[in-house]
Amino acid sequence: MFGIFLGIGLGGEGGHNPWGGDPLIGTIITGPFELIAGIILGILIGLLLALPCFHKGVPYKWKAVFLVFMAVGLVFIWNIIHMSGLGYLATITSAAVGATKWGKHEAEEIEGLISYLWLII
């Protein structure tokens, strides 16, 4: 909702709008689209992360590396299309769905590695 009001107040003319020329219409359409598509994409990627071949055969250190690169990739790819909210939401949703299948201990190990990475950054 904040993004919609921000788009109304600061929309102006010009800029890149994937839904047409009017910034207000673009903002009203983009918000719900990013929400729904981000959740659906996140669930699909999370289900791929929860496949038995991924969550039983891959060490947790590699899962953490994969999650970090997947998050960066999703955010940058969707930012190119000017829908970065979709990438952020897909990243959060996919990690949550995947972690439900990994088990508590392994999910905590992966969380610890990613938390350590954030301390370094």
PDB file of N, CA and C in Angstrom:
ATOM      1  N   MET A   1       0.819  -1.181   0.000  1.00  0.00           N
ATOM      2  CA  MET A   1       0.000   0.000   0.000  1.00  0.00           C
ATOM      3  C   MET A   1       0.877   1.265   0.000  1.00  0.00           C
ATOM      4  N   PHE A   2       1.978   1.208   0.755  1.00  0.00           N
ATOM      5  CA  PHE A   2       2.872   2.356   0.808  1.00  0.00           C
ATOM      6  C   PHE A   2       3.416   2.673  -0.578  1.00  0.00           C
ATOM      7  N   GLY A   3       3.789   1.607  -1.335  1.00  0.00           N
ATOM      8  CA  GLY A   3       4.322   1.806  -2.677  1.00  0.00           C
ATOM      9  C   GLY A   3       3.323   2.431  -3.616  1.00  0.00           C
ATOM     10  N   ILE A   4       2.048   2.101  -3.462  1.00  0.00           N
ATOM     11  CA  ILE A   4       1.020   2.692  -4.317  1.00  0.00           C
ATOM     12  C   ILE A   4       0.906   4.183  -4.052  1.00  0.00           C
ATOM     13  N   PHE A   5       0.852   4.567  -2.769  1.00  0.00           N
ATOM     14  CA  PHE A   5       0.758   5.991  -2.445  1.00  0.00           C
ATOM     15  C   PHE A   5       2.040   6.732  -2.817  1.00  0.00           C
ATOM     16  N   LEU A   6       3.176   6.066  -2.694  1.00  0.00           N
ATOM     17  CA  LEU A   6       4.422   6.682  -3.113  1.00  0.00           C
ATOM     18  C   LEU A   6       4.423   6.906  -4.626  1.00  0.00           C
ATOM     19  N   GLY A   7       3.894   5.930  -5.373  1.00  0.00           N
ATOM     20  CA  GLY A   7       3.798   6.077  -6.825  1.00  0.00           C
ATOM     21  C   GLY A   7       2.843   7.184  -7.225  1.00  0.00           C
ATOM     22  N   ILE A   8       1.755   7.369  -6.454  1.00  0.00           N
ATOM     23  CA  ILE A   8       0.817   8.455  -6.739  1.00  0.00           C
ATOM     24  C   ILE A   8       1.493   9.801  -6.493  1.00  0.00           C
ATOM     25  N   GLY A   9       2.188   9.902  -5.383  1.00  0.00           N
ATOM     26  CA  GLY A   9       2.807  11.180  -5.025  1.00  0.00           C
ATOM     27  C   GLY A   9       4.016  11.523  -5.862  1.00  0.00           C
ATOM     28  N   LEU A  10       4.816  10.521  -6.198  1.00  0.00           N
ATOM     29  CA  LEU A  10       6.067  10.793  -6.902  1.00  0.00           C
ATOM     30  C   LEU A  10       6.094  10.216  -8.311  1.00  0.00           C
ATOM     31  N   GLY A  11       4.950   9.777  -8.816  1.00  0.00           N
ATOM     32  CA  GLY A  11       4.898   9.105 -10.119  1.00  0.00           C
ATOM     33  C   GLY A  11       5.437   9.954 -11.239  1.00  0.00           C
ATOM     34  N   GLY A  12       4.882  11.104 -11.430  1.00  0.00           N
ATOM     35  CA  GLY A  12       5.351  12.005 -12.479  1.00  0.00           C
ATOM     36  C   GLY A  12       5.249  11.409 -13.857  1.00  0.00           C
ATOM     37  N   GLU A  13       5.923  12.017 -14.776  1.00  0.00           N
ATOM     38  CA  GLU A  13       5.945  11.561 -16.167  1.00  0.00           C
ATOM     39  C   GLU A  13       7.294  10.934 -16.451  1.00  0.00           C
ATOM     40  N   GLY A  14       7.314  10.074 -17.434  1.00  0.00           N
ATOM     41  CA  GLY A  14       8.569   9.470 -17.862  1.00  0.00           C
ATOM     42  C   GLY A  14       8.919   8.251 -17.033  1.00  0.00           C
ATOM     43  N   GLY A  15      10.129   7.761 -17.269  1.00  0.00           N
ATOM     44  CA  GLY A  15      10.555   6.552 -16.591  1.00  0.00           C
ATOM     45  C   GLY A  15      10.083   5.308 -17.324  1.00  0.00           C
ATOM     46  N   HIS A  16      10.550   4.188 -16.879  1.00  0.00           N
ATOM     47  CA  HIS A  16      10.163   2.927 -17.509  1.00  0.00           C
ATOM     48  C   HIS A  16       9.024   2.306 -16.729  1.00  0.00           C
ATOM     49  N   ASN A  17       7.966   2.008 -17.422  1.00  0.00           N
ATOM     50  CA  ASN A  17       6.798   1.391 -16.795  1.00  0.00           C
ATOM     51  C   ASN A  17       6.390   0.204 -17.648  1.00  0.00           C
ATOM     52  N   PRO A  18       6.512  -1.022 -17.120  1.00  0.00           N
ATOM     53  CA  PRO A  18       6.214  -2.189 -17.958  1.00  0.00           C
ATOM     54  C   PRO A  18       4.745  -2.348 -18.306  1.00  0.00           C
ATOM     55  N   TRP A  19       3.843  -1.595 -17.679  1.00  0.00           N
ATOM     56  CA  TRP A  19       2.407  -1.774 -17.907  1.00  0.00           C
ATOM     57  C   TRP A  19       1.792  -0.632 -18.720  1.00  0.00           C
ATOM     58  N   GLY A  20       2.584   0.197 -19.311  1.00  0.00           N
ATOM     59  CA  GLY A  20       2.042   1.289 -20.104  1.00  0.00           C
ATOM     60  C   GLY A  20       2.642   2.617 -19.684  1.00  0.00           C
ATOM     61  N   GLY A  21       2.067   3.702 -20.174  1.00  0.00           N
ATOM     62  CA  GLY A  21       2.634   5.009 -19.943  1.00  0.00           C
ATOM     63  C   GLY A  21       2.211   5.686 -18.650  1.00  0.00           C
ATOM     64  N   ASP A  22       1.043   5.380 -18.112  1.00  0.00           N
ATOM     65  CA  ASP A  22       0.548   6.062 -16.931  1.00  0.00           C
ATOM     66  C   ASP A  22       1.178   5.471 -15.668  1.00  0.00           C
ATOM     67  N   PRO A  23       1.922   6.279 -14.890  1.00  0.00           N
ATOM     68  CA  PRO A  23       2.582   5.739 -13.698  1.00  0.00           C
ATOM     69  C   PRO A  23       1.600   5.276 -12.616  1.00  0.00           C
ATOM     70  N   LEU A  24       0.429   5.911 -12.518  1.00  0.00           N
ATOM     71  CA  LEU A  24      -0.542   5.503 -11.507  1.00  0.00           C
ATOM     72  C   LEU A  24      -1.101   4.117 -11.817  1.00  0.00           C
ATOM     73  N   ILE A  25      -1.479   3.899 -13.059  1.00  0.00           N
ATOM     74  CA  ILE A  25      -1.996   2.589 -13.467  1.00  0.00           C
ATOM     75  C   ILE A  25      -0.906   1.527 -13.308  1.00  0.00           C
ATOM     76  N   GLY A  26       0.305   1.872 -13.699  1.00  0.00           N
ATOM     77  CA  GLY A  26       1.417   0.939 -13.559  1.00  0.00           C
ATOM     78  C   GLY A  26       1.667   0.551 -12.116  1.00  0.00           C
ATOM     79  N   THR A  27       1.586   1.505 -11.203  1.00  0.00           N
ATOM     80  CA  THR A  27       1.804   1.223  -9.796  1.00  0.00           C
ATOM     81  C   THR A  27       0.678   0.370  -9.223  1.00  0.00           C
ATOM     82  N   ILE A  28      -0.542   0.655  -9.594  1.00  0.00           N
ATOM     83  CA  ILE A  28      -1.687  -0.113  -9.091  1.00  0.00           C
ATOM     84  C   ILE A  28      -1.630  -1.552  -9.593  1.00  0.00           C
ATOM     85  N   ILE A  29      -1.182  -1.774 -10.815  1.00  0.00           N
ATOM     86  CA  ILE A  29      -1.093  -3.128 -11.357  1.00  0.00           C
ATOM     87  C   ILE A  29       0.142  -3.849 -10.837  1.00  0.00           C
ATOM     88  N   THR A  30       1.265  -3.161 -10.736  1.00  0.00           N
ATOM     89  CA  THR A  30       2.520  -3.789 -10.350  1.00  0.00           C
ATOM     90  C   THR A  30       2.496  -4.316  -8.923  1.00  0.00           C
ATOM     91  N   GLY A  31       1.894  -3.601  -7.997  1.00  0.00           N
ATOM     92  CA  GLY A  31       1.881  -4.024  -6.594  1.00  0.00           C
ATOM     93  C   GLY A  31       1.272  -5.402  -6.384  1.00  0.00           C
ATOM     94  N   PRO A  32       0.016  -5.608  -6.753  1.00  0.00           N
ATOM     95  CA  PRO A  32      -0.563  -6.951  -6.578  1.00  0.00           C
ATOM     96  C   PRO A  32       0.119  -8.020  -7.431  1.00  0.00           C
ATOM     97  N   PHE A  33       0.587  -7.650  -8.635  1.00  0.00           N
ATOM     98  CA  PHE A  33       1.276  -8.624  -9.477  1.00  0.00           C
ATOM     99  C   PHE A  33       2.555  -9.103  -8.802  1.00  0.00           C
ATOM    100  N   GLU A  34       3.345  -8.176  -8.244  1.00  0.00           N
ATOM    101  CA  GLU A  34       4.568  -8.560  -7.543  1.00  0.00           C
ATOM    102  C   GLU A  34       4.258  -9.436  -6.340  1.00  0.00           C
ATOM    103  N   LEU A  35       3.204  -9.122  -5.622  1.00  0.00           N
ATOM    104  CA  LEU A  35       2.830  -9.905  -4.443  1.00  0.00           C
ATOM    105  C   LEU A  35       2.466 -11.339  -4.824  1.00  0.00           C
ATOM    106  N   ILE A  36       1.548 -11.482  -5.763  1.00  0.00           N
ATOM    107  CA  ILE A  36       1.069 -12.815  -6.136  1.00  0.00           C
ATOM    108  C   ILE A  36       2.168 -13.611  -6.843  1.00  0.00           C
ATOM    109  N   ALA A  37       2.829 -12.997  -7.808  1.00  0.00           N
ATOM    110  CA  ALA A  37       3.872 -13.705  -8.555  1.00  0.00           C
ATOM    111  C   ALA A  37       5.070 -14.030  -7.668  1.00  0.00           C
ATOM    112  N   GLY A  38       5.415 -13.160  -6.725  1.00  0.00           N
ATOM    113  CA  GLY A  38       6.525 -13.427  -5.815  1.00  0.00           C
ATOM    114  C   GLY A  38       6.255 -14.623  -4.923  1.00  0.00           C
ATOM    115  N   ILE A  39       5.029 -14.724  -4.420  1.00  0.00           N
ATOM    116  CA  ILE A  39       4.679 -15.863  -3.574  1.00  0.00           C
ATOM    117  C   ILE A  39       4.661 -17.152  -4.395  1.00  0.00           C
ATOM    118  N   ILE A  40       4.071 -17.124  -5.586  1.00  0.00           N
ATOM    119  CA  ILE A  40       4.010 -18.326  -6.423  1.00  0.00           C
ATOM    120  C   ILE A  40       5.417 -18.773  -6.836  1.00  0.00           C
ATOM    121  N   LEU A  41       6.249 -17.843  -7.286  1.00  0.00           N
ATOM    122  CA  LEU A  41       7.612 -18.185  -7.681  1.00  0.00           C
ATOM    123  C   LEU A  41       8.408 -18.705  -6.484  1.00  0.00           C
ATOM    124  N   GLY A  42       8.224 -18.094  -5.323  1.00  0.00           N
ATOM    125  CA  GLY A  42       8.915 -18.553  -4.123  1.00  0.00           C
ATOM    126  C   GLY A  42       8.503 -19.959  -3.715  1.00  0.00           C
ATOM    127  N   ILE A  43       7.222 -20.262  -3.820  1.00  0.00           N
ATOM    128  CA  ILE A  43       6.757 -21.612  -3.487  1.00  0.00           C
ATOM    129  C   ILE A  43       7.332 -22.632  -4.466  1.00  0.00           C
ATOM    130  N   LEU A  44       7.342 -22.300  -5.759  1.00  0.00           N
ATOM    131  CA  LEU A  44       7.888 -23.229  -6.743  1.00  0.00           C
ATOM    132  C   LEU A  44       9.377 -23.495  -6.513  1.00  0.00           C
ATOM    133  N   ILE A  45      10.153 -22.447  -6.265  1.00  0.00           N
ATOM    134  CA  ILE A  45      11.585 -22.629  -6.005  1.00  0.00           C
ATOM    135  C   ILE A  45      11.783 -23.359  -4.679  1.00  0.00           C
ATOM    136  N   GLY A  46      10.968 -23.048  -3.681  1.00  0.00           N
ATOM    137  CA  GLY A  46      11.054 -23.742  -2.392  1.00  0.00           C
ATOM    138  C   GLY A  46      10.761 -25.218  -2.518  1.00  0.00           C
ATOM    139  N   LEU A  47       9.811 -25.576  -3.368  1.00  0.00           N
ATOM    140  CA  LEU A  47       9.520 -26.993  -3.594  1.00  0.00           C
ATOM    141  C   LEU A  47      10.681 -27.682  -4.301  1.00  0.00           C
ATOM    142  N   LEU A  48      11.362 -26.973  -5.180  1.00  0.00           N
ATOM    143  CA  LEU A  48      12.569 -27.542  -5.795  1.00  0.00           C
ATOM    144  C   LEU A  48      13.663 -27.749  -4.749  1.00  0.00           C
ATOM    145  N   LEU A  49      13.789 -26.805  -3.818  1.00  0.00           N
ATOM    146  CA  LEU A  49      14.778 -26.944  -2.740  1.00  0.00           C
ATOM    147  C   LEU A  49      14.417 -28.080  -1.790  1.00  0.00           C
ATOM    148  N   ALA A  50      13.150 -28.441  -1.726  1.00  0.00           N
ATOM    149  CA  ALA A  50      12.689 -29.480  -0.811  1.00  0.00           C
ATOM    150  C   ALA A  50      12.688 -30.868  -1.443  1.00  0.00           C
ATOM    151  N   LEU A  51      13.085 -30.988  -2.696  1.00  0.00           N
ATOM    152  CA  LEU A  51      13.137 -32.301  -3.330  1.00  0.00           C
ATOM    153  C   LEU A  51      14.128 -33.197  -2.588  1.00  0.00           C
ATOM    154  N   PRO A  52      13.840 -34.473  -2.481  1.00  0.00           N
ATOM    155  CA  PRO A  52      14.737 -35.376  -1.745  1.00  0.00           C
ATOM    156  C   PRO A  52      16.167 -35.393  -2.283  1.00  0.00           C
ATOM    157  N   CYS A  53      16.340 -35.250  -3.593  1.00  0.00           N
ATOM    158  CA  CYS A  53      17.701 -35.258  -4.140  1.00  0.00           C
ATOM    159  C   CYS A  53      18.496 -34.037  -3.695  1.00  0.00           C
ATOM    160  N   PHE A  54      17.826 -32.952  -3.352  1.00  0.00           N
ATOM    161  CA  PHE A  54      18.533 -31.745  -2.909  1.00  0.00           C
ATOM    162  C   PHE A  54      18.707 -31.714  -1.398  1.00  0.00           C
ATOM    163  N   HIS A  55      17.680 -32.059  -0.661  1.00  0.00           N
ATOM    164  CA  HIS A  55      17.796 -31.865   0.778  1.00  0.00           C
ATOM    165  C   HIS A  55      18.408 -33.049   1.508  1.00  0.00           C
ATOM    166  N   LYS A  56      18.601 -34.197   0.870  1.00  0.00           N
ATOM    167  CA  LYS A  56      19.248 -35.328   1.546  1.00  0.00           C
ATOM    168  C   LYS A  56      20.686 -35.522   1.099  1.00  0.00           C
ATOM    169  N   GLY A  57      21.003 -35.181  -0.124  1.00  0.00           N
ATOM    170  CA  GLY A  57      22.334 -35.482  -0.634  1.00  0.00           C
ATOM    171  C   GLY A  57      23.305 -34.318  -0.632  1.00  0.00           C
ATOM    172  N   VAL A  58      22.848 -33.127  -0.343  1.00  0.00           N
ATOM    173  CA  VAL A  58      23.703 -31.949  -0.428  1.00  0.00           C
ATOM    174  C   VAL A  58      24.048 -31.470   0.980  1.00  0.00           C
ATOM    175  N   PRO A  59      25.344 -31.246   1.279  1.00  0.00           N
ATOM    176  CA  PRO A  59      25.712 -30.733   2.604  1.00  0.00           C
ATOM    177  C   PRO A  59      25.141 -29.329   2.840  1.00  0.00           C
ATOM    178  N   TYR A  60      24.936 -28.996   4.119  1.00  0.00           N
ATOM    179  CA  TYR A  60      24.301 -27.723   4.451  1.00  0.00           C
ATOM    180  C   TYR A  60      25.138 -26.525   4.021  1.00  0.00           C
ATOM    181  N   LYS A  61      26.449 -26.674   3.941  1.00  0.00           N
ATOM    182  CA  LYS A  61      27.290 -25.545   3.513  1.00  0.00           C
ATOM    183  C   LYS A  61      26.998 -25.174   2.055  1.00  0.00           C
ATOM    184  N   TRP A  62      26.774 -26.183   1.231  1.00  0.00           N
ATOM    185  CA  TRP A  62      26.449 -25.903  -0.168  1.00  0.00           C
ATOM    186  C   TRP A  62      25.048 -25.335  -0.315  1.00  0.00           C
ATOM    187  N   LYS A  63      24.156 -25.757   0.569  1.00  0.00           N
ATOM    188  CA  LYS A  63      22.805 -25.197   0.530  1.00  0.00           C
ATOM    189  C   LYS A  63      22.826 -23.711   0.865  1.00  0.00           C
ATOM    190  N   ALA A  64      23.662 -23.334   1.824  1.00  0.00           N
ATOM    191  CA  ALA A  64      23.769 -21.920   2.194  1.00  0.00           C
ATOM    192  C   ALA A  64      24.330 -21.103   1.026  1.00  0.00           C
ATOM    193  N   VAL A  65      25.352 -21.638   0.362  1.00  0.00           N
ATOM    194  CA  VAL A  65      25.925 -20.947  -0.797  1.00  0.00           C
ATOM    195  C   VAL A  65      24.875 -20.810  -1.897  1.00  0.00           C
ATOM    196  N   PHE A  66      24.133 -21.889  -2.140  1.00  0.00           N
ATOM    197  CA  PHE A  66      23.093 -21.849  -3.164  1.00  0.00           C
ATOM    198  C   PHE A  66      22.019 -20.820  -2.824  1.00  0.00           C
ATOM    199  N   LEU A  67      21.599 -20.765  -1.559  1.00  0.00           N
ATOM    200  CA  LEU A  67      20.569 -19.797  -1.159  1.00  0.00           C
ATOM    201  C   LEU A  67      21.036 -18.361  -1.351  1.00  0.00           C
ATOM    202  N   VAL A  68      22.283 -18.085  -1.016  1.00  0.00           N
ATOM    203  CA  VAL A  68      22.802 -16.722  -1.171  1.00  0.00           C
ATOM    204  C   VAL A  68      22.837 -16.327  -2.647  1.00  0.00           C
ATOM    205  N   PHE A  69      23.370 -17.202  -3.494  1.00  0.00           N
ATOM    206  CA  PHE A  69      23.435 -16.875  -4.920  1.00  0.00           C
ATOM    207  C   PHE A  69      22.046 -16.817  -5.552  1.00  0.00           C
ATOM    208  N   MET A  70      21.135 -17.678  -5.088  1.00  0.00           N
ATOM    209  CA  MET A  70      19.771 -17.640  -5.601  1.00  0.00           C
ATOM    210  C   MET A  70      19.107 -16.307  -5.224  1.00  0.00           C
ATOM    211  N   ALA A  71      19.315 -15.863  -3.988  1.00  0.00           N
ATOM    212  CA  ALA A  71      18.716 -14.605  -3.545  1.00  0.00           C
ATOM    213  C   ALA A  71      19.251 -13.427  -4.349  1.00  0.00           C
ATOM    214  N   VAL A  72      20.552 -13.371  -4.518  1.00  0.00           N
ATOM    215  CA  VAL A  72      21.146 -12.278  -5.288  1.00  0.00           C
ATOM    216  C   VAL A  72      20.662 -12.323  -6.736  1.00  0.00           C
ATOM    217  N   GLY A  73      20.616 -13.515  -7.312  1.00  0.00           N
ATOM    218  CA  GLY A  73      20.166 -13.650  -8.692  1.00  0.00           C
ATOM    219  C   GLY A  73      18.719 -13.229  -8.874  1.00  0.00           C
ATOM    220  N   LEU A  74      17.841 -13.696  -7.985  1.00  0.00           N
ATOM    221  CA  LEU A  74      16.431 -13.322  -8.105  1.00  0.00           C
ATOM    222  C   LEU A  74      16.227 -11.816  -7.988  1.00  0.00           C
ATOM    223  N   VAL A  75      16.901 -11.215  -7.028  1.00  0.00           N
ATOM    224  CA  VAL A  75      16.715  -9.772  -6.825  1.00  0.00           C
ATOM    225  C   VAL A  75      17.238  -8.986  -8.020  1.00  0.00           C
ATOM    226  N   PHE A  76      18.416  -9.324  -8.522  1.00  0.00           N
ATOM    227  CA  PHE A  76      18.971  -8.574  -9.645  1.00  0.00           C
ATOM    228  C   PHE A  76      18.210  -8.813 -10.938  1.00  0.00           C
ATOM    229  N   ILE A  77      17.783 -10.053 -11.170  1.00  0.00           N
ATOM    230  CA  ILE A  77      17.040 -10.335 -12.402  1.00  0.00           C
ATOM    231  C   ILE A  77      15.724  -9.571 -12.422  1.00  0.00           C
ATOM    232  N   TRP A  78      14.985  -9.611 -11.319  1.00  0.00           N
ATOM    233  CA  TRP A  78      13.698  -8.915 -11.298  1.00  0.00           C
ATOM    234  C   TRP A  78      13.872  -7.403 -11.185  1.00  0.00           C
ATOM    235  N   ASN A  79      15.015  -6.946 -10.694  1.00  0.00           N
ATOM    236  CA  ASN A  79      15.274  -5.508 -10.648  1.00  0.00           C
ATOM    237  C   ASN A  79      15.503  -4.964 -12.061  1.00  0.00           C
ATOM    238  N   ILE A  80      16.053  -5.776 -12.940  1.00  0.00           N
ATOM    239  CA  ILE A  80      16.247  -5.352 -14.329  1.00  0.00           C
ATOM    240  C   ILE A  80      14.895  -5.065 -14.984  1.00  0.00           C
ATOM    241  N   ILE A  81      13.875  -5.849 -14.613  1.00  0.00           N
ATOM    242  CA  ILE A  81      12.538  -5.680 -15.183  1.00  0.00           C
ATOM    243  C   ILE A  81      11.727  -4.649 -14.379  1.00  0.00           C
ATOM    244  N   HIS A  82      12.344  -4.039 -13.385  1.00  0.00           N
ATOM    245  CA  HIS A  82      11.720  -3.030 -12.521  1.00  0.00           C
ATOM    246  C   HIS A  82      10.605  -3.625 -11.662  1.00  0.00           C
ATOM    247  N   MET A  83      10.812  -4.843 -11.205  1.00  0.00           N
ATOM    248  CA  MET A  83       9.891  -5.487 -10.266  1.00  0.00           C
ATOM    249  C   MET A  83      10.700  -6.142  -9.160  1.00  0.00           C
ATOM    250  N   SER A  84      11.507  -5.349  -8.474  1.00  0.00           N
ATOM    251  CA  SER A  84      12.405  -5.916  -7.471  1.00  0.00           C
ATOM    252  C   SER A  84      11.650  -6.499  -6.282  1.00  0.00           C
ATOM    253  N   GLY A  85      10.459  -6.012  -6.000  1.00  0.00           N
ATOM    254  CA  GLY A  85       9.672  -6.574  -4.900  1.00  0.00           C
ATOM    255  C   GLY A  85       9.350  -8.033  -5.121  1.00  0.00           C
ATOM    256  N   LEU A  86       9.165  -8.436  -6.368  1.00  0.00           N
ATOM    257  CA  LEU A  86       8.901  -9.828  -6.699  1.00  0.00           C
ATOM    258  C   LEU A  86      10.108 -10.684  -6.336  1.00  0.00           C
ATOM    259  N   GLY A  87      11.295 -10.220  -6.627  1.00  0.00           N
ATOM    260  CA  GLY A  87      12.508 -10.971  -6.294  1.00  0.00           C
ATOM    261  C   GLY A  87      12.716 -11.106  -4.799  1.00  0.00           C
ATOM    262  N   TYR A  88      12.475 -10.018  -4.057  1.00  0.00           N
ATOM    263  CA  TYR A  88      12.624 -10.079  -2.601  1.00  0.00           C
ATOM    264  C   TYR A  88      11.636 -11.069  -1.990  1.00  0.00           C
ATOM    265  N   LEU A  89      10.390 -10.999  -2.405  1.00  0.00           N
ATOM    266  CA  LEU A  89       9.366 -11.880  -1.855  1.00  0.00           C
ATOM    267  C   LEU A  89       9.606 -13.332  -2.254  1.00  0.00           C
ATOM    268  N   ALA A  90      10.036 -13.575  -3.481  1.00  0.00           N
ATOM    269  CA  ALA A  90      10.339 -14.940  -3.916  1.00  0.00           C
ATOM    270  C   ALA A  90      11.505 -15.522  -3.127  1.00  0.00           C
ATOM    271  N   THR A  91      12.494 -14.700  -2.808  1.00  0.00           N
ATOM    272  CA  THR A  91      13.636 -15.162  -2.028  1.00  0.00           C
ATOM    273  C   THR A  91      13.216 -15.588  -0.629  1.00  0.00           C
ATOM    274  N   ILE A  92      12.441 -14.752   0.038  1.00  0.00           N
ATOM    275  CA  ILE A  92      12.004 -15.070   1.400  1.00  0.00           C
ATOM    276  C   ILE A  92      11.111 -16.307   1.403  1.00  0.00           C
ATOM    277  N   THR A  93      10.172 -16.371   0.471  1.00  0.00           N
ATOM    278  CA  THR A  93       9.242 -17.494   0.430  1.00  0.00           C
ATOM    279  C   THR A  93       9.952 -18.798   0.097  1.00  0.00           C
ATOM    280  N   SER A  94      10.868 -18.775  -0.865  1.00  0.00           N
ATOM    281  CA  SER A  94      11.548 -20.009  -1.254  1.00  0.00           C
ATOM    282  C   SER A  94      12.417 -20.550  -0.125  1.00  0.00           C
ATOM    283  N   ALA A  95      13.107 -19.687   0.590  1.00  0.00           N
ATOM    284  CA  ALA A  95      13.923 -20.149   1.714  1.00  0.00           C
ATOM    285  C   ALA A  95      13.049 -20.737   2.819  1.00  0.00           C
ATOM    286  N   ALA A  96      11.908 -20.125   3.075  1.00  0.00           N
ATOM    287  CA  ALA A  96      11.014 -20.630   4.120  1.00  0.00           C
ATOM    288  C   ALA A  96      10.419 -21.985   3.736  1.00  0.00           C
ATOM    289  N   VAL A  97       9.990 -22.128   2.490  1.00  0.00           N
ATOM    290  CA  VAL A  97       9.394 -23.400   2.047  1.00  0.00           C
ATOM    291  C   VAL A  97      10.463 -24.490   2.029  1.00  0.00           C
ATOM    292  N   GLY A  98      11.645 -24.184   1.530  1.00  0.00           N
ATOM    293  CA  GLY A  98      12.709 -25.182   1.498  1.00  0.00           C
ATOM    294  C   GLY A  98      13.148 -25.611   2.886  1.00  0.00           C
ATOM    295  N   ALA A  99      13.245 -24.667   3.812  1.00  0.00           N
ATOM    296  CA  ALA A  99      13.704 -24.978   5.170  1.00  0.00           C
ATOM    297  C   ALA A  99      12.720 -25.856   5.931  1.00  0.00           C
ATOM    298  N   THR A 100      11.451 -25.824   5.561  1.00  0.00           N
ATOM    299  CA  THR A 100      10.489 -26.683   6.258  1.00  0.00           C
ATOM    300  C   THR A 100      10.764 -28.162   5.989  1.00  0.00           C
ATOM    301  N   LYS A 101      11.353 -28.483   4.867  1.00  0.00           N
ATOM    302  CA  LYS A 101      11.650 -29.878   4.535  1.00  0.00           C
ATOM    303  C   LYS A 101      13.039 -30.318   4.981  1.00  0.00           C
ATOM    304  N   TRP A 102      13.922 -29.384   5.300  1.00  0.00           N
ATOM    305  CA  TRP A 102      15.284 -29.747   5.656  1.00  0.00           C
ATOM    306  C   TRP A 102      15.405 -30.246   7.084  1.00  0.00           C
ATOM    307  N   GLY A 103      14.494 -29.899   7.926  1.00  0.00           N
ATOM    308  CA  GLY A 103      14.595 -30.257   9.335  1.00  0.00           C
ATOM    309  C   GLY A 103      15.167 -29.106  10.140  1.00  0.00           C
ATOM    310  N   LYS A 104      14.867 -29.125  11.426  1.00  0.00           N
ATOM    311  CA  LYS A 104      15.235 -27.992  12.288  1.00  0.00           C
ATOM    312  C   LYS A 104      16.745 -27.829  12.410  1.00  0.00           C
ATOM    313  N   HIS A 105      17.462 -28.920  12.615  1.00  0.00           N
ATOM    314  CA  HIS A 105      18.902 -28.818  12.832  1.00  0.00           C
ATOM    315  C   HIS A 105      19.619 -28.263  11.599  1.00  0.00           C
ATOM    316  N   GLU A 106      19.304 -28.826  10.435  1.00  0.00           N
ATOM    317  CA  GLU A 106      19.976 -28.365   9.219  1.00  0.00           C
ATOM    318  C   GLU A 106      19.590 -26.935   8.861  1.00  0.00           C
ATOM    319  N   ALA A 107      18.331 -26.573   9.076  1.00  0.00           N
ATOM    320  CA  ALA A 107      17.903 -25.201   8.803  1.00  0.00           C
ATOM    321  C   ALA A 107      18.635 -24.220   9.717  1.00  0.00           C
ATOM    322  N   GLU A 108      18.866 -24.603  10.968  1.00  0.00           N
ATOM    323  CA  GLU A 108      19.604 -23.726  11.886  1.00  0.00           C
ATOM    324  C   GLU A 108      21.071 -23.598  11.484  1.00  0.00           C
ATOM    325  N   GLU A 109      21.662 -24.680  10.989  1.00  0.00           N
ATOM    326  CA  GLU A 109      23.049 -24.618  10.507  1.00  0.00           C
ATOM    327  C   GLU A 109      23.167 -23.662   9.312  1.00  0.00           C
ATOM    328  N   ILE A 110      22.231 -23.766   8.392  1.00  0.00           N
ATOM    329  CA  ILE A 110      22.242 -22.888   7.217  1.00  0.00           C
ATOM    330  C   ILE A 110      22.015 -21.445   7.636  1.00  0.00           C
ATOM    331  N   GLU A 111      21.090 -21.244   8.571  1.00  0.00           N
ATOM    332  CA  GLU A 111      20.834 -19.889   9.077  1.00  0.00           C
ATOM    333  C   GLU A 111      22.073 -19.311   9.733  1.00  0.00           C
ATOM    334  N   GLY A 112      22.806 -20.132  10.463  1.00  0.00           N
ATOM    335  CA  GLY A 112      24.035 -19.655  11.103  1.00  0.00           C
ATOM    336  C   GLY A 112      25.077 -19.219  10.096  1.00  0.00           C
ATOM    337  N   LEU A 113      25.231 -19.983   9.014  1.00  0.00           N
ATOM    338  CA  LEU A 113      26.200 -19.606   7.984  1.00  0.00           C
ATOM    339  C   LEU A 113      25.806 -18.310   7.281  1.00  0.00           C
ATOM    340  N   ILE A 114      24.537 -18.181   6.958  1.00  0.00           N
ATOM    341  CA  ILE A 114      24.090 -16.960   6.283  1.00  0.00           C
ATOM    342  C   ILE A 114      24.160 -15.760   7.227  1.00  0.00           C
ATOM    343  N   SER A 115      23.884 -15.971   8.509  1.00  0.00           N
ATOM    344  CA  SER A 115      24.013 -14.882   9.489  1.00  0.00           C
ATOM    345  C   SER A 115      25.470 -14.434   9.603  1.00  0.00           C
ATOM    346  N   TYR A 116      26.393 -15.389   9.576  1.00  0.00           N
ATOM    347  CA  TYR A 116      27.811 -15.045   9.609  1.00  0.00           C
ATOM    348  C   TYR A 116      28.205 -14.234   8.377  1.00  0.00           C
ATOM    349  N   LEU A 117      27.661 -14.596   7.233  1.00  0.00           N
ATOM    350  CA  LEU A 117      27.929 -13.841   6.014  1.00  0.00           C
ATOM    351  C   LEU A 117      27.443 -12.396   6.147  1.00  0.00           C
ATOM    352  N   TRP A 118      26.264 -12.187   6.758  1.00  0.00           N
ATOM    353  CA  TRP A 118      25.757 -10.827   6.946  1.00  0.00           C
ATOM    354  C   TRP A 118      26.635 -10.040   7.892  1.00  0.00           C
ATOM    355  N   LEU A 119      27.251 -10.712   8.890  1.00  0.00           N
ATOM    356  CA  LEU A 119      28.166  -9.998   9.776  1.00  0.00           C
ATOM    357  C   LEU A 119      29.403  -9.517   9.022  1.00  0.00           C
ATOM    358  N   ILE A 120      29.877 -10.314   8.073  1.00  0.00           N
ATOM    359  CA  ILE A 120      31.043  -9.928   7.285  1.00  0.00           C
ATOM    360  C   ILE A 120      30.723  -8.769   6.366  1.00  0.00           C
ATOM    361  N   ILE A 121      29.541  -8.827   5.753  1.00  0.00           N
ATOM    362  CA  ILE A 121      29.162  -7.778   4.807  1.00  0.00           C
ATOM    363  C   ILE A 121      28.915  -6.511   5.590  1.00  0.00           C
TER     364      ILE A 121
END
